Amino acid sequence: MAVTMRDVAERAGVSAITVSRVINGTGYVHEETQARVLAAIEAMRYVPNSLARSLRSQQTSTLALLVTDITNSFWTTVARGVEDEAAAQNYAIFLCNTDEDPAKEDRYLEMLTQRRVDGLLIGPTPDSASMLSRLHTLDIKFVLIDRAVDGIAADTVRSDSRGGAANITQHMLTTGHQRVAFIGGPLTTSTGRDRLNGYRAAHMAAGLAIDTELIKIGSYHRESGRELTSELLAAERRPTAIFAGNNQIALGVLDALVAARMHLPNDMAVISFDDLPGVDGYGPFMTAVIQPAYQIGRIATRLLLERIADARDEVEEIVLPTQLVIRRSCGCNAVPVV
């Protein structure tokens, strides 16, 4: 038979209310009495009924993080920031991978509402607007990560995609490249639009016309990067550099260059939005725009917990700066890496 709070109270010689106060950290309990209660809990291996407590408080001390691609190192770093901040506030995390699929996102939402999570941290898919509207209707607290969604007023934490894309494109243009291709993600996402707009802004600032044949739009997946790079390589006038809209696209770019037996950066310079882990012992080699992914995760979790506690009324958007890290892949230090 499971040990109850009353059993612990009887062993410690106190009331059940006193045991409850010790467990929940509420009210004053004399140190000696607290020590007796804790000793009884340990001796009897009592496990508090968290479900009963959550039913009384209407909270479960759980949050959910919905990411679009758990294999992407950006999202794993965001998840670490979320978990660290949540753990510091005694919250647990459900991690859900949507694969940019609205139907999968909807299924997760149904499951999470049934589990009565206290709030959601969401990396939205390209078609999340209706789902987010439902969350508003249900009065479920949430914070958006990485992407804003048109028509949805919500706390959002993201990096400066437009500024980061403009900076890295400008770097390539100032080093002599005049045919820089761009392979981006869906324009139905704010990141897809912002990074393309940053690429365009850098060309306009340099007084260069934009060749639309150098712009390829697909998905934020490796396969898309490989296919669209192959299209660029098959063109009559190839680019001299390729800007990948995220690190998964960048991996696909590298796949296509290897298949074409082209060397990086001598045959083709490559740059990326988001860092790329070292590959096969080369170490970090990709010139990239680095997002503060860990900080994004922690700040977003902090905002969500404030929203759950009704500590804020106004919607807040936090845009964090990116960092341009110059390595070998752009050709500034022309050492072949592929």
C-alpha atoms as a PDB file:
ATOM      1  CA  MET A   1       0.000   0.000   0.000  1.00  0.00           C
ATOM      2  CA  ALA A   2       1.312   3.467  -0.899  1.00  0.00           C
ATOM      3  CA  VAL A   3       2.546   5.630   1.959  1.00  0.00           C
ATOM      4  CA  THR A   4       0.289   8.643   2.536  1.00  0.00           C
ATOM      5  CA  MET A   5       0.894  12.069   4.008  1.00  0.00           C
ATOM      6  CA  ARG A   6      -1.043  10.994   7.093  1.00  0.00           C
ATOM      7  CA  ASP A   7       1.348   8.046   7.555  1.00  0.00           C
ATOM      8  CA  VAL A   8       4.305  10.448   7.478  1.00  0.00           C
ATOM      9  CA  ALA A   9       2.563  12.797   9.904  1.00  0.00           C
ATOM     10  CA  GLU A  10       1.887   9.963  12.350  1.00  0.00           C
ATOM     11  CA  ARG A  11       5.523   8.788  12.242  1.00  0.00           C
ATOM     12  CA  ALA A  12       6.851  12.323  12.714  1.00  0.00           C
ATOM     13  CA  GLY A  13       4.335  13.107  15.466  1.00  0.00           C
ATOM     14  CA  VAL A  14       2.884  16.111  13.670  1.00  0.00           C
ATOM     15  CA  SER A  15      -0.269  17.023  11.779  1.00  0.00           C
ATOM     16  CA  ALA A  16      -0.791  16.365   8.074  1.00  0.00           C
ATOM     17  CA  ILE A  17      -0.905  20.147   7.544  1.00  0.00           C
ATOM     18  CA  THR A  18       2.614  20.439   8.963  1.00  0.00           C
ATOM     19  CA  VAL A  19       3.861  17.747   6.561  1.00  0.00           C
ATOM     20  CA  SER A  20       2.217  19.625   3.688  1.00  0.00           C
ATOM     21  CA  ARG A  21       3.939  22.855   4.731  1.00  0.00           C
ATOM     22  CA  VAL A  22       7.343  21.142   4.770  1.00  0.00           C
ATOM     23  CA  ILE A  23       6.815  19.570   1.348  1.00  0.00           C
ATOM     24  CA  ASN A  24       5.516  22.725  -0.307  1.00  0.00           C
ATOM     25  CA  GLY A  25       7.748  25.192   1.538  1.00  0.00           C
ATOM     26  CA  THR A  26       4.759  27.199   2.767  1.00  0.00           C
ATOM     27  CA  GLY A  27       4.180  28.590   6.233  1.00  0.00           C
ATOM     28  CA  TYR A  28       6.536  28.489   9.211  1.00  0.00           C
ATOM     29  CA  VAL A  29       7.747  25.159  10.574  1.00  0.00           C
ATOM     30  CA  HIS A  30      10.268  24.931  13.430  1.00  0.00           C
ATOM     31  CA  GLU A  31      13.649  23.567  12.294  1.00  0.00           C
ATOM     32  CA  GLU A  32      13.502  20.581  14.656  1.00  0.00           C
ATOM     33  CA  THR A  33       9.977  19.695  13.478  1.00  0.00           C
ATOM     34  CA  GLN A  34      11.023  20.093   9.834  1.00  0.00           C
ATOM     35  CA  ALA A  35      13.955  17.731  10.402  1.00  0.00           C
ATOM     36  CA  ARG A  36      11.615  15.079  11.910  1.00  0.00           C
ATOM     37  CA  VAL A  37       9.257  15.351   8.944  1.00  0.00           C
ATOM     38  CA  LEU A  38      12.069  15.061   6.415  1.00  0.00           C
ATOM     39  CA  ALA A  39      13.502  12.066   8.262  1.00  0.00           C
ATOM     40  CA  ALA A  40      10.081  10.371   8.201  1.00  0.00           C
ATOM     41  CA  ILE A  41       9.699  11.090   4.482  1.00  0.00           C
ATOM     42  CA  GLU A  42      13.082   9.522   3.768  1.00  0.00           C
ATOM     43  CA  ALA A  43      12.543   6.523   6.041  1.00  0.00           C
ATOM     44  CA  MET A  44       9.134   5.753   4.568  1.00  0.00           C
ATOM     45  CA  ARG A  45      10.167   6.623   1.002  1.00  0.00           C
ATOM     46  CA  TYR A  46       7.153   8.874   0.671  1.00  0.00           C
ATOM     47  CA  VAL A  47       6.524  10.340  -2.800  1.00  0.00           C
ATOM     48  CA  PRO A  48       4.289  13.450  -2.733  1.00  0.00           C
ATOM     49  CA  ASN A  49       1.222  13.267  -4.959  1.00  0.00           C
ATOM     50  CA  SER A  50       2.109  15.971  -7.492  1.00  0.00           C
ATOM     51  CA  LEU A  51      -1.090  15.335  -9.467  1.00  0.00           C
ATOM     52  CA  ALA A  52      -3.257  16.115  -6.463  1.00  0.00           C
ATOM     53  CA  ARG A  53      -1.286  19.292  -5.792  1.00  0.00           C
ATOM     54  CA  SER A  54      -1.594  20.364  -9.419  1.00  0.00           C
ATOM     55  CA  LEU A  55      -5.368  19.836  -9.375  1.00  0.00           C
ATOM     56  CA  ARG A  56      -5.654  22.102  -6.351  1.00  0.00           C
ATOM     57  CA  SER A  57      -3.344  24.799  -7.721  1.00  0.00           C
ATOM     58  CA  GLN A  58      -4.516  24.488 -11.367  1.00  0.00           C
ATOM     59  CA  GLN A  59      -0.836  24.293 -12.366  1.00  0.00           C
ATOM     60  CA  THR A  60       1.368  21.327 -13.265  1.00  0.00           C
ATOM     61  CA  SER A  61       4.829  22.965 -13.181  1.00  0.00           C
ATOM     62  CA  THR A  62       5.377  21.782 -16.745  1.00  0.00           C
ATOM     63  CA  LEU A  63       6.122  23.674 -19.942  1.00  0.00           C
ATOM     64  CA  ALA A  64       6.359  22.462 -23.520  1.00  0.00           C
ATOM     65  CA  LEU A  65       8.906  23.415 -26.182  1.00  0.00           C
ATOM     66  CA  LEU A  66       7.864  22.867 -29.807  1.00  0.00           C
ATOM     67  CA  VAL A  67      10.801  23.000 -32.234  1.00  0.00           C
ATOM     68  CA  THR A  68      10.759  22.699 -36.014  1.00  0.00           C
ATOM     69  CA  ASP A  69      13.835  20.438 -36.362  1.00  0.00           C
ATOM     70  CA  ILE A  70      15.511  18.799 -33.373  1.00  0.00           C
ATOM     71  CA  THR A  71      18.481  17.739 -35.541  1.00  0.00           C
ATOM     72  CA  ASN A  72      19.354  21.405 -36.094  1.00  0.00           C
ATOM     73  CA  SER A  73      22.044  22.504 -33.624  1.00  0.00           C
ATOM     74  CA  PHE A  74      20.333  25.894 -33.279  1.00  0.00           C
ATOM     75  CA  TRP A  75      17.291  24.221 -31.749  1.00  0.00           C
ATOM     76  CA  THR A  76      19.256  21.864 -29.498  1.00  0.00           C
ATOM     77  CA  THR A  77      21.051  24.896 -28.058  1.00  0.00           C
ATOM     78  CA  VAL A  78      17.747  26.752 -27.629  1.00  0.00           C
ATOM     79  CA  ALA A  79      16.395  23.673 -25.835  1.00  0.00           C
ATOM     80  CA  ARG A  80      19.336  23.705 -23.421  1.00  0.00           C
ATOM     81  CA  GLY A  81      18.663  27.347 -22.578  1.00  0.00           C
ATOM     82  CA  VAL A  82      14.968  26.603 -22.047  1.00  0.00           C
ATOM     83  CA  GLU A  83      15.677  23.605 -19.818  1.00  0.00           C
ATOM     84  CA  ASP A  84      18.237  25.461 -17.695  1.00  0.00           C
ATOM     85  CA  GLU A  85      15.915  28.398 -17.051  1.00  0.00           C
ATOM     86  CA  ALA A  86      12.902  26.152 -16.425  1.00  0.00           C
ATOM     87  CA  ALA A  87      14.820  23.901 -14.025  1.00  0.00           C
ATOM     88  CA  ALA A  88      15.983  26.942 -12.065  1.00  0.00           C
ATOM     89  CA  GLN A  89      12.297  27.747 -11.513  1.00  0.00           C
ATOM     90  CA  ASN A  90      11.356  24.125 -10.699  1.00  0.00           C
ATOM     91  CA  TYR A  91       9.597  23.488 -14.004  1.00  0.00           C
ATOM     92  CA  ALA A  92       9.916  20.408 -16.203  1.00  0.00           C
ATOM     93  CA  ILE A  93       9.917  20.474 -20.027  1.00  0.00           C
ATOM     94  CA  PHE A  94       8.118  18.429 -22.683  1.00  0.00           C
ATOM     95  CA  LEU A  95      10.120  18.548 -25.939  1.00  0.00           C
ATOM     96  CA  CYS A  96       8.162  18.196 -29.195  1.00  0.00           C
ATOM     97  CA  ASN A  97       9.614  18.092 -32.725  1.00  0.00           C
ATOM     98  CA  THR A  98       7.145  19.305 -35.382  1.00  0.00           C
ATOM     99  CA  ASP A  99       9.294  18.865 -38.518  1.00  0.00           C
ATOM    100  CA  GLU A 100       7.723  22.081 -39.899  1.00  0.00           C
ATOM    101  CA  ASP A 101       4.476  20.066 -40.206  1.00  0.00           C
ATOM    102  CA  PRO A 102       1.278  21.925 -39.139  1.00  0.00           C
ATOM    103  CA  ALA A 103      -0.647  18.645 -38.740  1.00  0.00           C
ATOM    104  CA  LYS A 104       1.997  17.286 -36.379  1.00  0.00           C
ATOM    105  CA  GLU A 105       1.984  20.609 -34.549  1.00  0.00           C
ATOM    106  CA  ASP A 106      -1.797  20.328 -34.069  1.00  0.00           C
ATOM    107  CA  ARG A 107      -1.486  16.788 -32.681  1.00  0.00           C
ATOM    108  CA  TYR A 108       1.087  17.938 -30.168  1.00  0.00           C
ATOM    109  CA  LEU A 109      -1.132  20.846 -29.150  1.00  0.00           C
ATOM    110  CA  GLU A 110      -4.054  18.495 -28.431  1.00  0.00           C
ATOM    111  CA  MET A 111      -1.837  16.203 -26.367  1.00  0.00           C
ATOM    112  CA  LEU A 112      -0.260  19.081 -24.430  1.00  0.00           C
ATOM    113  CA  THR A 113      -3.591  20.712 -23.575  1.00  0.00           C
ATOM    114  CA  GLN A 114      -4.830  17.360 -22.279  1.00  0.00           C
ATOM    115  CA  ARG A 115      -1.745  17.167 -20.089  1.00  0.00           C
ATOM    116  CA  ARG A 116      -2.504  20.692 -18.861  1.00  0.00           C
ATOM    117  CA  VAL A 117       0.940  22.161 -19.362  1.00  0.00           C
ATOM    118  CA  ASP A 118       1.214  25.633 -17.877  1.00  0.00           C
ATOM    119  CA  GLY A 119       2.592  27.236 -21.036  1.00  0.00           C
ATOM    120  CA  LEU A 120       4.165  26.713 -24.452  1.00  0.00           C
ATOM    121  CA  LEU A 121       7.390  27.853 -26.100  1.00  0.00           C
ATOM    122  CA  ILE A 122       6.806  27.598 -29.826  1.00  0.00           C
ATOM    123  CA  GLY A 123       9.048  27.664 -32.880  1.00  0.00           C
ATOM    124  CA  PRO A 124       6.151  28.134 -35.305  1.00  0.00           C
ATOM    125  CA  THR A 125       5.736  26.275 -38.602  1.00  0.00           C
ATOM    126  CA  PRO A 126       4.919  28.203 -41.801  1.00  0.00           C
ATOM    127  CA  ASP A 127       1.187  27.645 -41.121  1.00  0.00           C
ATOM    128  CA  SER A 128       0.874  28.181 -37.372  1.00  0.00           C
ATOM    129  CA  ALA A 129      -1.408  31.245 -37.391  1.00  0.00           C
ATOM    130  CA  SER A 130      -4.706  29.375 -36.905  1.00  0.00           C
ATOM    131  CA  MET A 131      -3.238  27.181 -34.177  1.00  0.00           C
ATOM    132  CA  LEU A 132      -1.876  30.227 -32.329  1.00  0.00           C
ATOM    133  CA  SER A 133      -5.273  31.935 -32.601  1.00  0.00           C
ATOM    134  CA  ARG A 134      -6.825  28.898 -30.906  1.00  0.00           C
ATOM    135  CA  LEU A 135      -4.313  29.178 -28.073  1.00  0.00           C
ATOM    136  CA  HIS A 136      -5.388  32.786 -27.539  1.00  0.00           C
ATOM    137  CA  THR A 137      -9.031  31.675 -27.486  1.00  0.00           C
ATOM    138  CA  LEU A 138      -8.266  28.939 -24.942  1.00  0.00           C
ATOM    139  CA  ASP A 139      -6.222  31.412 -22.859  1.00  0.00           C
ATOM    140  CA  ILE A 140      -3.156  29.169 -23.031  1.00  0.00           C
ATOM    141  CA  LYS A 141       0.031  31.127 -22.383  1.00  0.00           C
ATOM    142  CA  PHE A 142       2.744  30.937 -25.040  1.00  0.00           C
ATOM    143  CA  VAL A 143       5.886  32.656 -26.316  1.00  0.00           C
ATOM    144  CA  LEU A 144       7.163  32.482 -29.892  1.00  0.00           C
ATOM    145  CA  ILE A 145      10.814  31.619 -30.521  1.00  0.00           C
ATOM    146  CA  ASP A 146      12.876  32.456 -33.626  1.00  0.00           C
ATOM    147  CA  ARG A 147       9.928  33.557 -35.793  1.00  0.00           C
ATOM    148  CA  ALA A 148       7.163  36.127 -35.606  1.00  0.00           C
ATOM    149  CA  VAL A 149       3.774  35.234 -37.098  1.00  0.00           C
ATOM    150  CA  ASP A 150       1.692  37.768 -39.026  1.00  0.00           C
ATOM    151  CA  GLY A 151      -1.563  38.657 -37.316  1.00  0.00           C
ATOM    152  CA  ILE A 152      -0.587  37.107 -33.980  1.00  0.00           C
ATOM    153  CA  ALA A 153       0.138  39.422 -31.050  1.00  0.00           C
ATOM    154  CA  ALA A 154       2.437  37.356 -28.851  1.00  0.00           C
ATOM    155  CA  ASP A 155       5.624  37.632 -26.844  1.00  0.00           C
ATOM    156  CA  THR A 156       8.464  36.808 -29.238  1.00  0.00           C
ATOM    157  CA  VAL A 157      12.189  36.243 -28.806  1.00  0.00           C
ATOM    158  CA  ARG A 158      14.292  36.070 -31.956  1.00  0.00           C
ATOM    159  CA  SER A 159      17.549  37.223 -33.477  1.00  0.00           C
ATOM    160  CA  ASP A 160      18.044  39.978 -36.047  1.00  0.00           C
ATOM    161  CA  SER A 161      17.746  37.825 -39.167  1.00  0.00           C
ATOM    162  CA  ARG A 162      17.636  40.753 -41.579  1.00  0.00           C
ATOM    163  CA  GLY A 163      20.644  42.509 -40.075  1.00  0.00           C
ATOM    164  CA  GLY A 164      22.667  39.312 -39.849  1.00  0.00           C
ATOM    165  CA  ALA A 165      21.939  38.393 -43.466  1.00  0.00           C
ATOM    166  CA  ALA A 166      22.847  41.898 -44.635  1.00  0.00           C
ATOM    167  CA  ASN A 167      26.157  41.835 -42.745  1.00  0.00           C
ATOM    168  CA  ILE A 168      27.340  38.499 -44.097  1.00  0.00           C
ATOM    169  CA  THR A 169      26.268  39.348 -47.658  1.00  0.00           C
ATOM    170  CA  GLN A 170      28.051  42.697 -47.410  1.00  0.00           C
ATOM    171  CA  HIS A 171      31.188  40.877 -46.288  1.00  0.00           C
ATOM    172  CA  MET A 172      31.151  38.746 -49.441  1.00  0.00           C
ATOM    173  CA  LEU A 173      30.485  41.713 -51.720  1.00  0.00           C
ATOM    174  CA  THR A 174      33.326  43.737 -50.219  1.00  0.00           C
ATOM    175  CA  THR A 175      35.773  40.854 -50.730  1.00  0.00           C
ATOM    176  CA  GLY A 176      35.134  40.922 -54.491  1.00  0.00           C
ATOM    177  CA  HIS A 177      32.241  38.515 -55.045  1.00  0.00           C
ATOM    178  CA  GLN A 178      29.631  39.986 -57.379  1.00  0.00           C
ATOM    179  CA  ARG A 179      27.618  36.814 -57.963  1.00  0.00           C
ATOM    180  CA  VAL A 180      26.518  35.684 -54.512  1.00  0.00           C
ATOM    181  CA  ALA A 181      23.621  33.234 -54.661  1.00  0.00           C
ATOM    182  CA  PHE A 182      21.049  32.947 -51.887  1.00  0.00           C
ATOM    183  CA  ILE A 183      19.292  29.699 -50.915  1.00  0.00           C
ATOM    184  CA  GLY A 184      16.578  30.464 -48.385  1.00  0.00           C
ATOM    185  CA  GLY A 185      13.734  28.935 -46.454  1.00  0.00           C
ATOM    186  CA  PRO A 186       9.995  29.433 -47.026  1.00  0.00           C
ATOM    187  CA  LEU A 187       8.880  33.029 -47.495  1.00  0.00           C
ATOM    188  CA  THR A 188       5.829  32.133 -45.401  1.00  0.00           C
ATOM    189  CA  THR A 189       8.186  32.320 -42.390  1.00  0.00           C
ATOM    190  CA  SER A 190       9.483  35.601 -40.968  1.00  0.00           C
ATOM    191  CA  THR A 191      13.040  34.249 -41.008  1.00  0.00           C
ATOM    192  CA  GLY A 192      12.748  33.353 -44.695  1.00  0.00           C
ATOM    193  CA  ARG A 193      11.565  36.858 -45.568  1.00  0.00           C
ATOM    194  CA  ASP A 194      13.985  38.668 -43.256  1.00  0.00           C
ATOM    195  CA  ARG A 195      17.085  36.849 -44.500  1.00  0.00           C
ATOM    196  CA  LEU A 196      16.170  37.381 -48.134  1.00  0.00           C
ATOM    197  CA  ASN A 197      15.506  41.062 -47.419  1.00  0.00           C
ATOM    198  CA  GLY A 198      18.905  41.358 -45.720  1.00  0.00           C
ATOM    199  CA  TYR A 199      20.591  39.807 -48.757  1.00  0.00           C
ATOM    200  CA  ARG A 200      18.787  42.268 -51.028  1.00  0.00           C
ATOM    201  CA  ALA A 201      19.579  45.237 -48.774  1.00  0.00           C
ATOM    202  CA  ALA A 202      23.315  44.486 -48.932  1.00  0.00           C
ATOM    203  CA  HIS A 203      23.213  44.501 -52.736  1.00  0.00           C
ATOM    204  CA  MET A 204      21.298  47.767 -52.802  1.00  0.00           C
ATOM    205  CA  ALA A 205      23.764  49.369 -50.371  1.00  0.00           C
ATOM    206  CA  ALA A 206      26.634  48.269 -52.637  1.00  0.00           C
ATOM    207  CA  GLY A 207      24.889  49.651 -55.709  1.00  0.00           C
ATOM    208  CA  LEU A 208      24.662  46.210 -57.311  1.00  0.00           C
ATOM    209  CA  ALA A 209      21.721  44.879 -59.292  1.00  0.00           C
ATOM    210  CA  ILE A 210      20.135  41.688 -57.980  1.00  0.00           C
ATOM    211  CA  ASP A 211      20.128  38.733 -60.369  1.00  0.00           C
ATOM    212  CA  THR A 212      16.902  36.900 -59.532  1.00  0.00           C
ATOM    213  CA  GLU A 213      18.320  33.699 -61.036  1.00  0.00           C
ATOM    214  CA  LEU A 214      20.712  33.613 -58.079  1.00  0.00           C
ATOM    215  CA  ILE A 215      17.835  33.476 -55.571  1.00  0.00           C
ATOM    216  CA  LYS A 216      16.496  30.009 -54.749  1.00  0.00           C
ATOM    217  CA  ILE A 217      13.730  29.446 -52.201  1.00  0.00           C
ATOM    218  CA  GLY A 218      12.982  26.028 -50.717  1.00  0.00           C
ATOM    219  CA  SER A 219      12.671  24.497 -47.254  1.00  0.00           C
ATOM    220  CA  TYR A 220      14.984  24.630 -44.247  1.00  0.00           C
ATOM    221  CA  HIS A 221      16.182  21.076 -44.901  1.00  0.00           C
ATOM    222  CA  ARG A 222      19.412  19.518 -46.133  1.00  0.00           C
ATOM    223  CA  GLU A 223      17.734  17.954 -49.176  1.00  0.00           C
ATOM    224  CA  SER A 224      16.481  21.352 -50.295  1.00  0.00           C
ATOM    225  CA  GLY A 225      19.972  22.825 -50.048  1.00  0.00           C
ATOM    226  CA  ARG A 226      21.418  19.990 -52.127  1.00  0.00           C
ATOM    227  CA  GLU A 227      18.767  20.207 -54.862  1.00  0.00           C
ATOM    228  CA  LEU A 228      18.858  23.997 -55.196  1.00  0.00           C
ATOM    229  CA  THR A 229      22.670  24.062 -55.241  1.00  0.00           C
ATOM    230  CA  SER A 230      22.615  21.543 -58.086  1.00  0.00           C
ATOM    231  CA  GLU A 231      20.341  23.921 -59.987  1.00  0.00           C
ATOM    232  CA  LEU A 232      22.777  26.791 -59.446  1.00  0.00           C
ATOM    233  CA  LEU A 233      25.725  24.663 -60.611  1.00  0.00           C
ATOM    234  CA  ALA A 234      23.843  23.647 -63.745  1.00  0.00           C
ATOM    235  CA  ALA A 235      23.217  27.273 -64.767  1.00  0.00           C
ATOM    236  CA  GLU A 236      25.098  28.839 -67.668  1.00  0.00           C
ATOM    237  CA  ARG A 237      26.507  31.500 -65.319  1.00  0.00           C
ATOM    238  CA  ARG A 238      27.364  30.013 -61.966  1.00  0.00           C
ATOM    239  CA  PRO A 239      27.642  32.026 -58.770  1.00  0.00           C
ATOM    240  CA  THR A 240      31.060  32.465 -57.158  1.00  0.00           C
ATOM    241  CA  ALA A 241      29.604  32.173 -53.647  1.00  0.00           C
ATOM    242  CA  ILE A 242      26.509  30.640 -52.048  1.00  0.00           C
ATOM    243  CA  PHE A 243      24.747  32.019 -48.970  1.00  0.00           C
ATOM    244  CA  ALA A 244      22.807  29.237 -47.208  1.00  0.00           C
ATOM    245  CA  GLY A 245      19.761  30.446 -45.281  1.00  0.00           C
ATOM    246  CA  ASN A 246      20.396  28.067 -42.360  1.00  0.00           C
ATOM    247  CA  ASN A 247      22.869  25.380 -41.345  1.00  0.00           C
ATOM    248  CA  GLN A 248      20.784  22.479 -42.685  1.00  0.00           C
ATOM    249  CA  ILE A 249      20.666  24.137 -46.096  1.00  0.00           C
ATOM    250  CA  ALA A 250      24.442  24.668 -45.777  1.00  0.00           C
ATOM    251  CA  LEU A 251      24.958  20.927 -45.288  1.00  0.00           C
ATOM    252  CA  GLY A 252      23.015  20.321 -48.496  1.00  0.00           C
ATOM    253  CA  VAL A 253      25.181  22.885 -50.303  1.00  0.00           C
ATOM    254  CA  LEU A 254      28.291  20.980 -49.208  1.00  0.00           C
ATOM    255  CA  ASP A 255      26.736  17.684 -50.370  1.00  0.00           C
ATOM    256  CA  ALA A 256      26.158  19.119 -53.848  1.00  0.00           C
ATOM    257  CA  LEU A 257      29.675  20.556 -54.070  1.00  0.00           C
ATOM    258  CA  VAL A 258      31.210  17.222 -53.087  1.00  0.00           C
ATOM    259  CA  ALA A 259      29.063  15.435 -55.687  1.00  0.00           C
ATOM    260  CA  ALA A 260      30.277  17.937 -58.309  1.00  0.00           C
ATOM    261  CA  ARG A 261      33.890  17.428 -57.148  1.00  0.00           C
ATOM    262  CA  MET A 262      34.213  21.102 -56.372  1.00  0.00           C
ATOM    263  CA  HIS A 263      36.534  22.345 -53.635  1.00  0.00           C
ATOM    264  CA  LEU A 264      35.581  24.894 -51.017  1.00  0.00           C
ATOM    265  CA  PRO A 265      36.446  27.771 -51.087  1.00  0.00           C
ATOM    266  CA  ASN A 266      38.650  27.689 -54.220  1.00  0.00           C
ATOM    267  CA  ASP A 267      35.883  26.521 -56.571  1.00  0.00           C
ATOM    268  CA  MET A 268      32.979  27.950 -54.599  1.00  0.00           C
ATOM    269  CA  ALA A 269      32.773  30.088 -51.472  1.00  0.00           C
ATOM    270  CA  VAL A 270      30.016  29.187 -49.003  1.00  0.00           C
ATOM    271  CA  ILE A 271      28.551  31.135 -46.083  1.00  0.00           C
ATOM    272  CA  SER A 272      25.729  30.241 -43.717  1.00  0.00           C
ATOM    273  CA  PHE A 273      23.112  31.715 -41.416  1.00  0.00           C
ATOM    274  CA  ASP A 274      23.632  29.634 -38.236  1.00  0.00           C
ATOM    275  CA  ASP A 275      26.833  27.886 -37.315  1.00  0.00           C
ATOM    276  CA  LEU A 276      27.861  24.517 -38.660  1.00  0.00           C
ATOM    277  CA  PRO A 277      29.601  21.992 -36.385  1.00  0.00           C
ATOM    278  CA  GLY A 278      33.010  20.702 -37.431  1.00  0.00           C
ATOM    279  CA  VAL A 279      32.857  17.986 -40.088  1.00  0.00           C
ATOM    280  CA  ASP A 280      35.206  14.959 -40.249  1.00  0.00           C
ATOM    281  CA  GLY A 281      37.969  16.535 -38.206  1.00  0.00           C
ATOM    282  CA  TYR A 282      38.125  19.835 -40.047  1.00  0.00           C
ATOM    283  CA  GLY A 283      36.868  21.760 -37.034  1.00  0.00           C
ATOM    284  CA  PRO A 284      34.736  24.871 -37.460  1.00  0.00           C
ATOM    285  CA  PHE A 285      35.341  26.167 -40.992  1.00  0.00           C
ATOM    286  CA  MET A 286      32.089  27.832 -42.046  1.00  0.00           C
ATOM    287  CA  THR A 287      31.869  31.610 -42.210  1.00  0.00           C
ATOM    288  CA  ALA A 288      28.529  32.163 -40.530  1.00  0.00           C
ATOM    289  CA  VAL A 289      26.053  34.417 -38.815  1.00  0.00           C
ATOM    290  CA  ILE A 290      25.842  33.112 -35.252  1.00  0.00           C
ATOM    291  CA  GLN A 291      22.589  33.443 -33.326  1.00  0.00           C
ATOM    292  CA  PRO A 292      22.577  33.630 -29.487  1.00  0.00           C
ATOM    293  CA  ALA A 293      20.507  30.445 -29.327  1.00  0.00           C
ATOM    294  CA  TYR A 294      21.106  29.661 -25.649  1.00  0.00           C
ATOM    295  CA  GLN A 295      20.152  33.193 -24.589  1.00  0.00           C
ATOM    296  CA  ILE A 296      17.044  33.030 -26.807  1.00  0.00           C
ATOM    297  CA  GLY A 297      15.932  29.895 -24.952  1.00  0.00           C
ATOM    298  CA  ARG A 298      16.507  31.328 -21.479  1.00  0.00           C
ATOM    299  CA  ILE A 299      14.919  34.710 -22.186  1.00  0.00           C
ATOM    300  CA  ALA A 300      11.867  33.144 -23.844  1.00  0.00           C
ATOM    301  CA  THR A 301      11.337  30.851 -20.843  1.00  0.00           C
ATOM    302  CA  ARG A 302      11.636  33.799 -18.470  1.00  0.00           C
ATOM    303  CA  LEU A 303       9.008  35.708 -20.457  1.00  0.00           C
ATOM    304  CA  LEU A 304       6.674  32.707 -20.434  1.00  0.00           C
ATOM    305  CA  LEU A 305       6.957  32.247 -16.667  1.00  0.00           C
ATOM    306  CA  GLU A 306       6.208  35.942 -16.194  1.00  0.00           C
ATOM    307  CA  ARG A 307       3.172  35.565 -18.452  1.00  0.00           C
ATOM    308  CA  ILE A 308       1.975  32.521 -16.466  1.00  0.00           C
ATOM    309  CA  ALA A 309       2.333  34.513 -13.245  1.00  0.00           C
ATOM    310  CA  ASP A 310       0.343  37.413 -14.792  1.00  0.00           C
ATOM    311  CA  ALA A 311       3.334  39.657 -14.129  1.00  0.00           C
ATOM    312  CA  ARG A 312       3.012  41.478 -17.474  1.00  0.00           C
ATOM    313  CA  ASP A 313       0.196  42.838 -19.618  1.00  0.00           C
ATOM    314  CA  GLU A 314       1.907  44.240 -22.709  1.00  0.00           C
ATOM    315  CA  VAL A 315       3.181  42.005 -25.513  1.00  0.00           C
ATOM    316  CA  GLU A 316       6.957  42.132 -25.832  1.00  0.00           C
ATOM    317  CA  GLU A 317       9.231  41.386 -28.788  1.00  0.00           C
ATOM    318  CA  ILE A 318      12.915  40.914 -28.002  1.00  0.00           C
ATOM    319  CA  VAL A 319      15.323  40.978 -30.952  1.00  0.00           C
ATOM    320  CA  LEU A 320      18.878  39.907 -30.123  1.00  0.00           C
ATOM    321  CA  PRO A 321      21.912  40.847 -32.249  1.00  0.00           C
ATOM    322  CA  THR A 322      23.782  38.252 -34.279  1.00  0.00           C
ATOM    323  CA  GLN A 323      27.542  37.807 -34.672  1.00  0.00           C
ATOM    324  CA  LEU A 324      29.456  37.440 -37.940  1.00  0.00           C
ATOM    325  CA  VAL A 325      32.253  34.881 -37.585  1.00  0.00           C
ATOM    326  CA  ILE A 326      34.686  34.784 -40.512  1.00  0.00           C
ATOM    327  CA  ARG A 327      36.385  31.454 -41.171  1.00  0.00           C
ATOM    328  CA  ARG A 328      37.860  29.641 -44.191  1.00  0.00           C
ATOM    329  CA  SER A 329      34.751  28.802 -46.208  1.00  0.00           C
ATOM    330  CA  CYS A 330      34.357  32.322 -47.611  1.00  0.00           C
ATOM    331  CA  GLY A 331      37.838  32.308 -49.136  1.00  0.00           C
ATOM    332  CA  CYS A 332      39.357  35.059 -47.019  1.00  0.00           C
ATOM    333  CA  ASN A 333      41.922  32.475 -45.949  1.00  0.00           C
ATOM    334  CA  ALA A 334      42.012  30.333 -49.064  1.00  0.00           C
ATOM    335  CA  VAL A 335      42.741  26.917 -47.558  1.00  0.00           C
ATOM    336  CA  PRO A 336      40.683  24.099 -49.141  1.00  0.00           C
ATOM    337  CA  VAL A 337      38.441  22.399 -46.592  1.00  0.00           C
ATOM    338  CA  VAL A 338      36.366  20.105 -48.813  1.00  0.00           C
END
